[in-house]
N, C-alpha and C. Protein backbone atom coordinates (compact mmCIF):
# COMPACT_ATOMS: atom_id res chain seq x y z
N MET A 1 110.19 96.52 119.84
CA MET A 1 110.51 96.44 118.43
C MET A 1 109.21 96.30 117.64
N LYS A 2 109.13 97.00 116.53
CA LYS A 2 107.96 97.00 115.66
C LYS A 2 107.88 95.69 114.86
N ASN A 3 106.68 95.27 114.51
CA ASN A 3 106.51 94.08 113.67
C ASN A 3 107.04 94.36 112.27
N THR A 4 107.68 93.37 111.68
CA THR A 4 108.18 93.51 110.32
C THR A 4 107.08 93.17 109.32
N LEU A 5 107.06 93.88 108.21
CA LEU A 5 106.08 93.67 107.16
C LEU A 5 106.13 92.24 106.63
N CYS A 6 107.30 91.62 106.70
CA CYS A 6 107.49 90.26 106.17
C CYS A 6 106.54 89.24 106.81
N TRP A 7 106.18 89.47 108.07
CA TRP A 7 105.32 88.51 108.75
C TRP A 7 103.94 88.40 108.11
N TYR A 8 103.58 89.36 107.29
CA TYR A 8 102.26 89.40 106.67
C TYR A 8 102.33 89.22 105.16
N CYS A 9 103.52 88.85 104.65
CA CYS A 9 103.74 88.80 103.21
C CYS A 9 103.61 87.38 102.63
N HIS A 10 103.00 87.31 101.47
CA HIS A 10 102.85 86.07 100.71
C HIS A 10 104.21 85.47 100.35
N HIS A 11 105.23 86.30 100.23
CA HIS A 11 106.56 85.83 99.82
C HIS A 11 107.48 85.46 100.97
N ALA A 12 106.97 85.48 102.19
CA ALA A 12 107.80 85.20 103.36
C ALA A 12 108.32 83.76 103.37
N VAL A 13 107.56 82.84 102.82
CA VAL A 13 107.97 81.43 102.77
C VAL A 13 108.07 81.01 101.30
N PRO A 14 109.28 80.77 100.83
CA PRO A 14 109.45 80.39 99.42
C PRO A 14 108.82 79.05 99.10
N THR A 15 108.20 78.97 97.92
CA THR A 15 107.68 77.70 97.42
C THR A 15 108.15 77.54 95.98
N LYS A 16 108.36 76.29 95.57
CA LYS A 16 108.83 76.00 94.22
C LYS A 16 107.81 75.16 93.46
N ASP A 17 107.79 75.34 92.16
CA ASP A 17 107.00 74.50 91.28
C ASP A 17 107.61 73.10 91.32
N LYS A 18 106.80 72.09 91.53
CA LYS A 18 107.32 70.72 91.68
C LYS A 18 107.92 70.16 90.40
N ILE A 19 107.50 70.68 89.27
CA ILE A 19 108.02 70.17 87.99
C ILE A 19 109.24 70.96 87.52
N THR A 20 109.13 72.28 87.49
CA THR A 20 110.20 73.11 86.94
C THR A 20 111.26 73.51 87.97
N GLY A 21 110.89 73.51 89.24
CA GLY A 21 111.82 73.95 90.28
C GLY A 21 111.90 75.45 90.42
N GLU A 22 111.11 76.19 89.62
CA GLU A 22 111.12 77.65 89.71
C GLU A 22 110.39 78.09 90.97
N TYR A 23 110.86 79.20 91.53
CA TYR A 23 110.19 79.75 92.70
C TYR A 23 108.86 80.36 92.30
N LEU A 24 107.81 79.97 93.02
CA LEU A 24 106.49 80.54 92.82
C LEU A 24 106.27 81.70 93.78
N THR A 25 106.80 81.56 94.98
CA THR A 25 106.77 82.63 95.98
C THR A 25 108.16 82.73 96.58
N GLY A 26 108.40 83.84 97.21
CA GLY A 26 109.69 84.09 97.82
C GLY A 26 110.24 85.41 97.34
N CYS A 27 111.24 85.89 98.03
CA CYS A 27 111.91 87.12 97.65
C CYS A 27 113.40 86.93 97.94
N ALA A 28 114.19 87.93 97.62
CA ALA A 28 115.64 87.82 97.84
C ALA A 28 115.95 87.51 99.31
N TRP A 29 115.18 88.09 100.22
CA TRP A 29 115.42 87.88 101.65
C TRP A 29 115.02 86.47 102.08
N SER A 30 113.82 86.02 101.71
CA SER A 30 113.36 84.71 102.18
C SER A 30 114.08 83.56 101.48
N ILE A 31 114.59 83.80 100.29
CA ILE A 31 115.28 82.74 99.56
C ILE A 31 116.76 82.65 99.94
N ASP A 32 117.46 83.78 99.95
CA ASP A 32 118.90 83.70 100.21
C ASP A 32 119.44 84.76 101.17
N ARG A 33 118.55 85.39 101.92
CA ARG A 33 118.93 86.38 102.95
C ARG A 33 119.68 87.58 102.39
N SER A 34 119.37 87.95 101.14
CA SER A 34 119.89 89.17 100.54
C SER A 34 118.83 90.25 100.65
N PRO A 35 119.21 91.47 101.03
CA PRO A 35 118.21 92.53 101.13
C PRO A 35 117.47 92.74 99.81
N VAL A 36 116.19 93.02 99.89
CA VAL A 36 115.35 93.28 98.72
C VAL A 36 115.63 94.71 98.24
N GLU A 37 115.90 94.85 96.96
CA GLU A 37 116.17 96.18 96.41
C GLU A 37 114.94 97.07 96.57
N GLY A 38 115.13 98.21 97.18
CA GLY A 38 114.05 99.18 97.33
C GLY A 38 113.28 99.09 98.63
N TRP A 39 113.63 98.13 99.51
CA TRP A 39 112.88 98.07 100.76
C TRP A 39 113.36 99.13 101.73
N ARG A 40 112.52 99.48 102.68
CA ARG A 40 112.88 100.40 103.77
C ARG A 40 112.89 99.58 105.05
N THR A 41 113.99 99.71 105.78
CA THR A 41 114.15 98.87 106.97
C THR A 41 114.81 99.64 108.10
N CYS A 42 114.75 99.03 109.26
CA CYS A 42 115.58 99.40 110.40
C CYS A 42 116.43 98.16 110.66
N GLN A 43 117.74 98.32 110.64
CA GLN A 43 118.63 97.18 110.85
C GLN A 43 118.93 97.03 112.33
N HIS A 44 118.99 95.79 112.78
CA HIS A 44 119.28 95.48 114.17
C HIS A 44 120.39 94.44 114.21
N ARG A 45 121.18 94.50 115.27
CA ARG A 45 122.15 93.44 115.53
C ARG A 45 121.60 92.64 116.70
N ILE A 46 121.58 91.33 116.54
CA ILE A 46 121.02 90.44 117.55
C ILE A 46 122.06 89.37 117.87
N TYR A 47 122.22 89.07 119.16
CA TYR A 47 123.12 87.99 119.55
C TYR A 47 122.40 86.67 119.34
N GLU A 48 123.02 85.80 118.57
CA GLU A 48 122.46 84.48 118.26
C GLU A 48 123.51 83.44 118.62
N ALA A 49 123.38 82.83 119.78
CA ALA A 49 124.38 81.87 120.27
C ALA A 49 124.58 80.72 119.29
N GLN A 50 123.52 80.23 118.68
CA GLN A 50 123.62 79.09 117.77
C GLN A 50 124.40 79.44 116.50
N LYS A 51 124.41 80.72 116.15
CA LYS A 51 125.13 81.17 114.95
C LYS A 51 126.53 81.66 115.29
N GLY A 52 126.88 81.66 116.56
CA GLY A 52 128.22 82.03 116.96
C GLY A 52 128.45 83.51 117.19
N GLY A 53 127.41 84.26 117.49
CA GLY A 53 127.62 85.67 117.79
C GLY A 53 126.54 86.57 117.25
N MET A 54 126.97 87.75 116.83
CA MET A 54 126.02 88.76 116.36
C MET A 54 125.59 88.47 114.92
N ILE A 55 124.30 88.66 114.66
CA ILE A 55 123.76 88.56 113.30
C ILE A 55 122.98 89.84 113.02
N HIS A 56 122.77 90.11 111.76
CA HIS A 56 121.98 91.26 111.36
C HIS A 56 120.55 90.82 111.07
N SER A 57 119.61 91.60 111.55
CA SER A 57 118.21 91.35 111.28
C SER A 57 117.59 92.69 110.87
N TYR A 58 116.43 92.64 110.30
CA TYR A 58 115.78 93.84 109.80
C TYR A 58 114.32 93.88 110.20
N THR A 59 113.83 95.08 110.46
CA THR A 59 112.41 95.32 110.56
C THR A 59 112.04 96.04 109.27
N VAL A 60 111.30 95.37 108.41
CA VAL A 60 110.93 95.93 107.12
C VAL A 60 109.66 96.76 107.29
N THR A 61 109.71 98.02 106.83
CA THR A 61 108.56 98.90 106.94
C THR A 61 107.90 99.17 105.60
N GLU A 62 108.66 99.04 104.50
CA GLU A 62 108.13 99.16 103.14
C GLU A 62 108.90 98.22 102.25
N CYS A 63 108.19 97.56 101.31
CA CYS A 63 108.84 96.64 100.40
C CYS A 63 108.11 96.62 99.06
N PRO A 64 108.83 96.78 97.93
CA PRO A 64 108.19 96.77 96.62
C PRO A 64 107.62 95.41 96.23
N GLU A 65 108.04 94.36 96.90
CA GLU A 65 107.55 93.01 96.57
C GLU A 65 106.46 92.52 97.52
N PHE A 66 106.02 93.37 98.44
CA PHE A 66 105.03 92.95 99.43
C PHE A 66 103.70 92.61 98.77
N GLU A 67 103.17 91.44 99.12
CA GLU A 67 101.82 91.01 98.75
C GLU A 67 101.21 90.41 100.00
N GLU A 68 100.08 90.94 100.42
CA GLU A 68 99.46 90.44 101.64
C GLU A 68 99.09 88.98 101.47
N GLY A 69 99.36 88.23 102.50
CA GLY A 69 98.99 86.82 102.39
C GLY A 69 99.76 86.00 103.33
């Protein structure tokens, strides 16, 4: 399986402003597991025993919100 672009993205781990609570980093996927509009992916089904069965995962190859970091 190819590496996902997310592993190299500044938005992979959401952070919030301590005063306002607004997200400083993050994307739809890292914040609430919603696909990012406009990304290109390969979707995979993975068995996850802790989640009770099959889950969907993605290998992201292009993303409009990608920022290296």
